[in-house]
Amino acid sequence: MLQSSDPNPTSNSDDTAPIELIDGEIGGGLLLVCDHACNRIPAEYADLGLSSDELASHVAYDIGVRGVTVELARLTGAPAIMTRFSRLLIDPNRGEDDPTLVMRIADGSVIPANAAVGKDEIDRRIATYHAPYHEALDHLIGRAIEAGKPPAIFSVHSFTPRFKRTPRPWQATILWDCDPRLPKPLLDALKAEGDLVVGENVPYSGKLRGDTLYRHATRRGLAHALIELRQDVIADPDSQLQWGQRLARILQEIMKTPGLNEIRHYGSSTAG
């Protein structure tokens, strides 16, 4: 079970805010999103019945992504929005009708406090954590559009080095659906780095109806992409800084592309 030395995510913070915002140039054309930045479980949930080791592992959050996002925001000047609650409490990267919105089992382990969770409690978690995150993101996008520059949205996630016993060879992958404006140049730029194995729509798919990018970017016609970084390459603060610097350099060049900040509707392969 992979764990991180990242000191930022925490499961016992006194700060109960469900969202962490980094101020940036709202009309700069880029918005950073980090759905699984934190492993925090509010005290009232008693760690969902999980051990400290489980909460420090990849099952509770995306290891390394907060540090990467913070450095990326610093270097690009882009605003960033990040969660301050664990996806085990409720997953902000799922639609409210998704059966995996509140996970009963994660990575083969039962989540004790979620095993028999009912509709009333799920609705409470939506109102307290899930909805405020999406409302804040929607507000940021609205402000950017009002400023005259619809933002390209870049979402940062991470994945484990192995699935069961099978190694995952990619250090970075790009997930996307139908809008190629940001994913294609990102893929080209990452491959051109020369020292990376780069994947596309692996180990997950960017074609997920109801996820954050579908909800806020696809439906609004905003350019967008999701990067998945392998957790062992961003497991410590130094490597997170290095990846933030690499991605900032790449994104700053890509953001010069004409049409990236225009509203264009490409639809979704999930529509039906």
Protein backbone atom coordinates (compact mmCIF):
# COMPACT_ATOMS: atom_id res chain seq x y z
CA MET A 1 0.00 0.00 0.00
CA LEU A 2 1.75 3.14 -1.21
CA GLN A 3 2.11 5.99 1.24
CA SER A 4 3.46 9.50 0.87
CA SER A 5 5.85 11.67 2.82
CA ASP A 6 3.87 14.73 1.73
CA PRO A 7 3.21 16.71 4.95
CA ASN A 8 0.29 18.71 3.59
CA PRO A 9 -2.68 16.33 3.43
CA THR A 10 -4.02 15.56 6.87
CA SER A 11 -6.83 13.56 8.42
CA ASN A 12 -7.03 15.53 11.68
CA SER A 13 -6.92 19.20 10.71
CA ASP A 14 -8.96 21.65 12.78
CA ASP A 15 -9.72 23.64 9.65
CA THR A 16 -13.14 22.41 8.60
CA ALA A 17 -13.33 24.25 5.27
CA PRO A 18 -14.06 21.72 2.50
CA ILE A 19 -12.14 23.72 -0.11
CA GLU A 20 -8.66 25.16 -0.46
CA LEU A 21 -8.32 28.02 -2.93
CA ILE A 22 -5.16 29.53 -4.36
CA ASP A 23 -5.68 33.02 -5.72
CA GLY A 24 -4.45 33.71 -9.21
CA GLU A 25 -5.09 35.71 -12.34
CA ILE A 26 -8.76 34.93 -12.97
CA GLY A 27 -8.54 36.25 -16.52
CA GLY A 28 -5.27 34.50 -17.29
CA GLY A 29 -6.89 31.68 -19.25
CA LEU A 30 -5.93 28.72 -17.04
CA LEU A 31 -7.68 27.14 -14.04
CA LEU A 32 -6.18 24.32 -11.97
CA VAL A 33 -8.33 21.66 -10.32
CA CYS A 34 -7.33 19.04 -7.75
CA ASP A 35 -10.26 16.77 -6.83
CA HIS A 36 -8.39 14.39 -4.52
CA ALA A 37 -5.84 16.66 -2.85
CA CYS A 38 -6.45 15.73 0.77
CA ASN A 39 -7.06 12.75 3.06
CA ARG A 40 -8.82 14.75 5.79
CA ILE A 41 -11.72 13.09 7.59
CA PRO A 42 -13.70 15.42 9.90
CA ALA A 43 -13.49 14.42 13.57
CA GLU A 44 -17.19 13.55 13.77
CA TYR A 45 -16.59 10.63 11.39
CA ALA A 46 -13.88 9.05 13.58
CA ASP A 47 -11.66 8.35 10.56
CA LEU A 48 -14.51 6.28 9.05
CA GLY A 49 -13.24 3.41 11.19
CA LEU A 50 -9.97 3.19 9.24
CA SER A 51 -6.42 2.95 10.52
CA SER A 52 -3.90 5.77 10.22
CA ASP A 53 -1.96 3.69 7.69
CA GLU A 54 -5.04 3.31 5.50
CA LEU A 55 -5.75 7.04 5.66
CA ALA A 56 -2.15 7.82 4.70
CA SER A 57 -2.37 5.55 1.65
CA HIS A 58 -3.60 6.00 -1.90
CA VAL A 59 -7.07 4.75 -0.99
CA ALA A 60 -7.82 8.01 0.84
CA TYR A 61 -6.46 10.57 -1.63
CA ASP A 62 -4.20 11.07 -4.63
CA ILE A 63 -0.68 11.02 -3.25
CA GLY A 64 1.50 13.94 -4.29
CA VAL A 65 -1.03 15.96 -6.25
CA ARG A 66 -1.44 18.86 -3.86
CA GLY A 67 2.26 19.67 -3.89
CA VAL A 68 2.35 19.52 -7.69
CA THR A 69 -0.72 21.75 -7.98
CA VAL A 70 0.58 24.35 -5.52
CA GLU A 71 3.87 24.68 -7.41
CA LEU A 72 2.06 24.75 -10.74
CA ALA A 73 -0.18 27.57 -9.50
CA ARG A 74 2.81 29.50 -8.19
CA LEU A 75 4.68 29.34 -11.47
CA THR A 76 1.78 29.91 -13.86
CA GLY A 77 -0.11 32.44 -11.76
CA ALA A 78 -3.29 30.42 -12.33
CA PRO A 79 -5.97 30.10 -9.66
CA ALA A 80 -6.39 26.62 -8.19
CA ILE A 81 -9.18 24.86 -6.34
CA MET A 82 -8.47 21.79 -4.21
CA THR A 83 -10.52 19.64 -1.88
CA ARG A 84 -9.92 19.49 1.87
CA PHE A 85 -11.71 16.20 2.46
CA SER A 86 -10.97 12.60 1.58
CA ARG A 87 -12.66 10.97 -1.37
CA LEU A 88 -13.57 8.18 1.07
CA LEU A 89 -15.97 10.61 2.73
CA ILE A 90 -17.49 11.50 -0.63
CA ASP A 91 -15.88 11.60 -4.07
CA PRO A 92 -16.07 15.04 -5.68
CA ASN A 93 -15.05 13.53 -9.03
CA ARG A 94 -18.33 11.64 -9.27
CA GLY A 95 -21.82 12.76 -10.15
CA GLU A 96 -24.42 12.79 -7.40
CA ASP A 97 -26.18 9.82 -9.03
CA ASP A 98 -23.00 7.74 -9.35
CA PRO A 99 -23.09 4.53 -7.26
CA THR A 100 -19.43 5.07 -6.32
CA LEU A 101 -20.07 8.57 -4.93
CA VAL A 102 -19.58 7.13 -1.42
CA MET A 103 -17.39 4.07 -1.57
CA ARG A 104 -18.31 1.09 0.61
CA ILE A 105 -15.18 -0.82 -0.41
CA ALA A 106 -11.87 0.69 -1.57
CA ASP A 107 -8.92 -1.32 -2.84
CA GLY A 108 -10.44 -4.47 -1.38
CA SER A 109 -10.97 -3.01 2.10
CA VAL A 110 -14.38 -2.33 3.62
CA ILE A 111 -14.86 1.27 4.78
CA PRO A 112 -16.62 0.60 8.12
CA ALA A 113 -18.50 3.90 8.42
CA ASN A 114 -19.63 3.69 4.79
CA ALA A 115 -20.70 0.06 4.71
CA ALA A 116 -24.32 0.76 5.62
CA VAL A 117 -24.51 4.47 4.83
CA GLY A 118 -28.02 5.62 3.95
CA LYS A 119 -29.51 8.27 1.70
CA ASP A 120 -29.90 10.88 4.45
CA GLU A 121 -26.21 10.71 5.34
CA ILE A 122 -25.16 10.77 1.69
CA ASP A 123 -27.35 13.83 1.15
CA ARG A 124 -25.70 15.45 4.18
CA ARG A 125 -22.23 14.82 2.79
CA ILE A 126 -23.28 16.17 -0.59
CA ALA A 127 -24.56 19.38 1.02
CA THR A 128 -21.54 19.82 3.30
CA TYR A 129 -18.65 18.79 1.06
CA HIS A 130 -19.50 17.82 -2.52
CA ALA A 131 -21.84 20.69 -3.43
CA PRO A 132 -19.69 23.52 -1.97
CA TYR A 133 -16.70 22.29 -3.96
CA HIS A 134 -18.60 22.28 -7.24
CA GLU A 135 -20.32 25.58 -6.48
CA ALA A 136 -16.93 27.20 -5.83
CA LEU A 137 -15.51 25.78 -9.05
CA ASP A 138 -18.54 26.95 -10.99
CA HIS A 139 -18.11 30.41 -9.49
CA LEU A 140 -14.44 30.58 -10.52
CA ILE A 141 -15.31 29.58 -14.07
CA GLY A 142 -18.07 32.17 -14.20
CA ARG A 143 -15.69 34.89 -13.04
CA ALA A 144 -13.13 33.89 -15.67
CA ILE A 145 -15.72 34.00 -18.44
CA GLU A 146 -16.92 37.39 -17.22
CA ALA A 147 -13.30 38.58 -17.36
CA GLY A 148 -13.37 37.79 -21.07
CA LYS A 149 -11.21 34.67 -21.17
CA PRO A 150 -12.99 31.32 -20.79
CA PRO A 151 -10.46 29.18 -18.91
CA ALA A 152 -8.78 26.00 -20.02
CA ILE A 153 -9.16 23.60 -17.09
CA PHE A 154 -6.28 21.36 -16.05
CA SER A 155 -7.02 18.66 -13.48
CA VAL A 156 -4.25 16.91 -11.51
CA HIS A 157 -4.59 13.30 -10.29
CA SER A 158 -2.27 10.40 -9.47
CA PHE A 159 -2.31 6.61 -9.76
CA THR A 160 -0.55 3.70 -8.09
CA PRO A 161 2.59 2.17 -9.64
CA ARG A 162 0.96 -1.27 -9.76
CA PHE A 163 -2.47 -2.75 -10.23
CA LYS A 164 -2.43 -5.87 -8.10
CA ARG A 165 0.88 -7.39 -9.28
CA THR A 166 1.03 -5.75 -12.68
CA PRO A 167 3.41 -2.78 -13.02
CA ARG A 168 2.11 0.34 -14.69
CA PRO A 169 4.83 1.62 -17.02
CA TRP A 170 3.70 5.21 -17.54
CA GLN A 171 5.04 8.07 -15.45
CA ALA A 172 2.30 10.35 -16.78
CA THR A 173 -0.93 9.86 -18.69
CA ILE A 174 -3.52 12.22 -20.13
CA LEU A 175 -7.23 11.47 -19.81
CA TRP A 176 -9.70 13.10 -22.15
CA ASP A 177 -13.03 12.66 -23.90
CA CYS A 178 -13.79 14.49 -27.19
CA ASP A 179 -12.25 17.97 -26.98
CA PRO A 180 -8.65 17.62 -28.27
CA ARG A 181 -7.49 21.20 -27.75
CA LEU A 182 -5.58 20.69 -24.50
CA PRO A 183 -4.98 16.90 -24.43
CA LYS A 184 -3.26 16.57 -27.81
CA PRO A 185 -0.59 19.25 -27.26
CA LEU A 186 -0.05 17.94 -23.73
CA LEU A 187 0.55 14.43 -25.04
CA ASP A 188 2.92 15.73 -27.70
CA ALA A 189 4.84 17.86 -25.21
CA LEU A 190 5.17 15.11 -22.60
CA LYS A 191 6.40 12.63 -25.20
CA ALA A 192 8.90 15.21 -26.47
CA GLU A 193 10.46 15.39 -22.99
CA GLY A 194 12.33 12.22 -23.94
CA ASP A 195 12.55 10.68 -20.47
CA LEU A 196 8.93 9.65 -19.95
CA VAL A 197 6.64 6.77 -20.79
CA VAL A 198 3.39 8.59 -21.57
CA GLY A 199 -0.07 7.04 -21.72
CA GLU A 200 -3.43 8.13 -23.09
CA ASN A 201 -6.69 7.27 -21.30
CA VAL A 202 -4.89 4.77 -19.10
CA PRO A 203 -5.04 3.42 -16.43
CA TYR A 204 -8.44 5.11 -16.34
CA SER A 205 -10.64 6.69 -18.97
CA GLY A 206 -11.41 10.36 -19.46
CA LYS A 207 -14.82 9.37 -20.75
CA LEU A 208 -16.72 9.46 -17.46
CA ARG A 209 -20.16 11.02 -17.49
CA GLY A 210 -20.76 13.22 -14.47
CA ASP A 211 -17.15 13.66 -13.38
CA THR A 212 -15.70 17.09 -12.62
CA LEU A 213 -14.48 17.82 -16.14
CA TYR A 214 -17.68 16.58 -17.76
CA ARG A 215 -19.75 18.71 -15.42
CA HIS A 216 -17.75 21.93 -15.62
CA ALA A 217 -15.81 21.81 -18.90
CA THR A 218 -17.43 19.49 -21.45
CA ARG A 219 -20.92 20.86 -20.89
CA ARG A 220 -19.67 24.46 -21.04
CA GLY A 221 -17.45 24.01 -24.08
CA LEU A 222 -14.21 24.74 -22.20
CA ALA A 223 -10.88 23.22 -23.21
CA HIS A 224 -9.74 20.73 -20.58
CA ALA A 225 -7.53 17.77 -19.76
CA LEU A 226 -6.73 15.55 -16.80
CA ILE A 227 -3.20 14.43 -16.03
CA GLU A 228 -2.53 11.27 -14.03
CA LEU A 229 0.95 11.09 -12.48
CA ARG A 230 2.33 7.84 -11.13
CA GLN A 231 2.50 8.19 -7.38
CA ASP A 232 6.06 6.99 -6.92
CA VAL A 233 7.38 9.83 -9.11
CA ILE A 234 5.69 12.50 -6.95
CA ALA A 235 5.86 10.85 -3.52
CA ASP A 236 8.11 13.46 -1.86
CA PRO A 237 8.14 17.28 -1.81
CA ASP A 238 11.19 17.61 -4.07
CA SER A 239 9.69 15.48 -6.83
CA GLN A 240 6.39 17.34 -6.53
CA LEU A 241 8.22 20.62 -7.09
CA GLN A 242 10.05 19.17 -10.08
CA TRP A 243 6.84 17.98 -11.69
CA GLY A 244 5.14 21.28 -10.97
CA GLN A 245 8.01 23.03 -12.72
CA ARG A 246 7.92 20.67 -15.68
CA LEU A 247 4.19 21.03 -16.15
CA ALA A 248 4.32 24.80 -15.74
CA ARG A 249 6.88 25.05 -18.52
CA ILE A 250 4.78 22.84 -20.79
CA LEU A 251 1.47 24.55 -20.03
CA GLN A 252 2.84 28.05 -20.43
CA GLU A 253 3.85 27.17 -23.98
CA ILE A 254 0.58 25.39 -24.78
CA MET A 255 -1.47 28.31 -23.48
CA LYS A 256 -0.22 30.36 -26.44
CA THR A 257 -2.26 28.13 -28.79
CA PRO A 258 -5.04 30.00 -30.64
CA GLY A 259 -8.56 28.88 -29.77
CA LEU A 260 -7.71 27.37 -26.40
CA ASN A 261 -9.73 30.02 -24.58
CA GLU A 262 -12.76 29.93 -26.84
CA ILE A 263 -16.03 28.20 -26.01
CA ARG A 264 -16.42 25.27 -28.39
CA HIS A 265 -18.74 22.34 -27.86
CA TYR A 266 -17.27 18.98 -28.88
CA GLY A 267 -19.81 16.88 -27.04
CA SER A 268 -19.03 13.68 -25.16
CA SER A 269 -18.69 10.05 -26.11
CA THR A 270 -20.66 9.31 -22.92
CA ALA A 271 -23.78 11.09 -24.18
CA GLY A 272 -26.69 8.85 -24.72
